[in-house]
Amino acid sequence: MTKQDRQDYWSGGRVTNHPMTRLFKKTRNLPGKDFEIAKARLSDLRGWLMNTKHIGSDFDDFLAEHGILTEAETTAIKRVIAYQVIKLMDERGLTKTEMAARMNTSRASLNRLLDPANNSVTLRTLENAAQVLNKRLRIEFV
């Protein structure tokens, strides 16, 4: 359903492209009893759609239900950290070799930090990167 269709629906206008409207148009010319049956089925379908399990819930509920919320959050946090470090390195014109040297670490360790899929980063590595980039590292429990 498009934004305009939603506006039309809630404002009482005619919704012409919504699947429910198309289905209603197909069934409205049925004779008497058949029309009532079709109308009841439309009502059942509308009720089913509105009571679907995940309508109105958030994505975190879905991930938690499938047991992958923590893993998804960890991966998302690591991607943000990697993105921020790469962006700050770019702004300061630092190559990976220069960054690793300033951090007093190996290039492999820096590559682990910059790899969005690698979640095994130490706090020491994060602190060193923040210091080289003139930033403060803030970690908190929420």
Protein backbone atom coordinates (compact mmCIF):
# COMPACT_ATOMS: atom_id res chain seq x y z
CA MET A 1 0.00 0.00 0.00
CA THR A 2 1.45 3.35 -0.97
CA LYS A 3 1.56 6.40 1.26
CA GLN A 4 -1.25 7.97 -0.79
CA ASP A 5 -3.36 4.81 -0.43
CA ARG A 6 -2.90 4.93 3.36
CA GLN A 7 -3.92 8.59 3.41
CA ASP A 8 -6.96 7.84 1.26
CA TYR A 9 -7.90 4.89 3.45
CA TRP A 10 -7.73 6.80 6.72
CA SER A 11 -9.36 9.92 5.31
CA GLY A 12 -12.28 7.95 3.89
CA GLY A 13 -11.27 8.46 0.27
CA ARG A 14 -11.33 5.75 -2.36
CA VAL A 15 -8.46 3.30 -2.30
CA THR A 16 -8.20 1.79 -5.74
CA ASN A 17 -4.95 -0.15 -5.65
CA HIS A 18 -5.14 -1.93 -2.30
CA PRO A 19 -5.46 -5.74 -2.51
CA MET A 20 -8.56 -5.70 -0.30
CA THR A 21 -10.22 -3.15 -2.60
CA ARG A 22 -9.40 -5.20 -5.70
CA LEU A 23 -10.80 -8.32 -4.04
CA PHE A 24 -13.96 -6.46 -3.01
CA LYS A 25 -14.45 -5.18 -6.57
CA LYS A 26 -14.20 -8.72 -7.91
CA THR A 27 -16.82 -9.99 -5.49
CA ARG A 28 -19.33 -7.11 -5.33
CA ASN A 29 -21.18 -8.20 -8.48
CA LEU A 30 -21.93 -11.64 -7.11
CA PRO A 31 -25.63 -12.36 -6.56
CA GLY A 32 -27.17 -12.00 -3.06
CA LYS A 33 -26.01 -14.91 -0.94
CA ASP A 34 -22.65 -15.25 -2.75
CA PHE A 35 -21.93 -11.59 -2.09
CA GLU A 36 -22.66 -12.02 1.64
CA ILE A 37 -20.32 -15.03 1.77
CA ALA A 38 -17.60 -13.09 -0.04
CA LYS A 39 -18.11 -10.11 2.28
CA ALA A 40 -17.76 -12.38 5.33
CA ARG A 41 -14.56 -13.85 3.89
CA LEU A 42 -13.19 -10.34 3.33
CA SER A 43 -14.00 -9.50 6.93
CA ASP A 44 -12.25 -12.68 8.12
CA LEU A 45 -9.24 -11.85 5.98
CA ARG A 46 -9.09 -8.30 7.33
CA GLY A 47 -9.30 -9.66 10.89
CA TRP A 48 -6.55 -12.17 10.19
CA LEU A 49 -4.29 -9.49 8.73
CA MET A 50 -4.77 -7.24 11.73
CA ASN A 51 -4.09 -10.07 14.20
CA THR A 52 -0.97 -11.36 12.48
CA LYS A 53 1.63 -12.10 15.12
CA HIS A 54 4.31 -9.56 14.23
CA ILE A 55 2.20 -6.63 13.07
CA GLY A 56 2.91 -3.78 15.44
CA SER A 57 5.86 -5.48 17.13
CA ASP A 58 9.40 -4.31 16.66
CA PHE A 59 12.26 -6.11 14.98
CA ASP A 60 14.05 -6.71 18.29
CA ASP A 61 11.13 -8.89 19.43
CA PHE A 62 11.44 -10.94 16.25
CA LEU A 63 15.21 -11.40 16.70
CA ALA A 64 14.82 -12.31 20.38
CA GLU A 65 12.16 -14.87 19.52
CA HIS A 66 14.61 -16.54 17.15
CA GLY A 67 17.47 -16.34 19.68
CA ILE A 68 19.71 -14.07 17.62
CA LEU A 69 19.17 -10.65 19.19
CA THR A 70 22.49 -10.53 21.07
CA GLU A 71 24.46 -11.72 18.05
CA ALA A 72 22.76 -9.17 15.78
CA GLU A 73 23.40 -6.32 18.25
CA THR A 74 27.07 -7.32 18.64
CA THR A 75 27.56 -7.40 14.88
CA ALA A 76 25.81 -4.04 14.46
CA ILE A 77 27.96 -2.41 17.16
CA LYS A 78 31.15 -3.78 15.59
CA ARG A 79 30.14 -2.49 12.16
CA VAL A 80 29.55 0.98 13.58
CA ILE A 81 32.92 0.97 15.34
CA ALA A 82 34.74 -0.20 12.21
CA TYR A 83 32.95 2.44 10.11
CA GLN A 84 33.80 5.22 12.57
CA VAL A 85 37.49 4.27 12.75
CA ILE A 86 37.80 4.05 8.96
CA LYS A 87 36.04 7.41 8.55
CA LEU A 88 38.30 9.10 11.12
CA MET A 89 41.40 7.58 9.53
CA ASP A 90 40.24 8.96 6.17
CA GLU A 91 39.63 12.43 7.63
CA ARG A 92 43.14 12.48 9.10
CA GLY A 93 44.76 10.96 6.01
CA LEU A 94 46.12 7.94 7.89
CA THR A 95 46.97 4.72 6.10
CA LYS A 96 46.59 1.37 7.81
CA THR A 97 50.35 1.09 8.21
CA GLU A 98 50.61 4.53 9.82
CA MET A 99 47.66 3.85 12.09
CA ALA A 100 49.07 0.50 13.24
CA ALA A 101 52.47 2.10 13.94
CA ARG A 102 50.89 4.92 16.00
CA MET A 103 48.84 2.36 17.93
CA ASN A 104 51.99 0.30 18.65
CA THR A 105 50.28 -2.79 17.29
CA SER A 106 50.48 -5.04 14.27
CA ARG A 107 48.68 -4.39 11.05
CA ALA A 108 46.83 -7.70 11.55
CA SER A 109 45.42 -6.38 14.83
CA LEU A 110 44.29 -3.19 13.09
CA ASN A 111 42.70 -5.26 10.33
CA ARG A 112 40.70 -7.16 12.96
CA LEU A 113 39.49 -3.81 14.31
CA LEU A 114 38.51 -2.59 10.84
CA ASP A 115 36.82 -5.85 9.80
CA PRO A 116 33.06 -5.38 10.41
CA ALA A 117 32.50 -9.13 10.60
CA ASN A 118 35.23 -9.80 13.20
CA ASN A 119 33.81 -9.38 16.70
CA SER A 120 37.00 -10.29 18.56
CA VAL A 121 38.44 -6.87 19.39
CA THR A 122 40.08 -6.10 22.70
CA LEU A 123 39.38 -3.09 24.85
CA ARG A 124 43.08 -2.21 24.67
CA THR A 125 42.90 -2.03 20.85
CA LEU A 126 39.85 0.23 21.02
CA GLU A 127 41.56 2.50 23.56
CA ASN A 128 44.71 2.74 21.40
CA ALA A 129 42.67 3.60 18.30
CA ALA A 130 40.73 6.28 20.19
CA GLN A 131 43.95 7.83 21.50
CA VAL A 132 45.57 7.95 18.04
CA LEU A 133 42.40 9.51 16.56
CA ASN A 134 42.16 12.09 19.39
CA LYS A 135 38.82 10.69 20.54
CA ARG A 136 37.53 9.37 23.84
CA LEU A 137 36.29 5.82 24.08
CA ARG A 138 33.01 5.56 25.99
CA ILE A 139 31.47 2.19 26.78
CA GLU A 140 28.38 1.97 28.92
CA PHE A 141 25.73 -0.47 30.02
CA VAL A 142 22.24 0.65 29.14
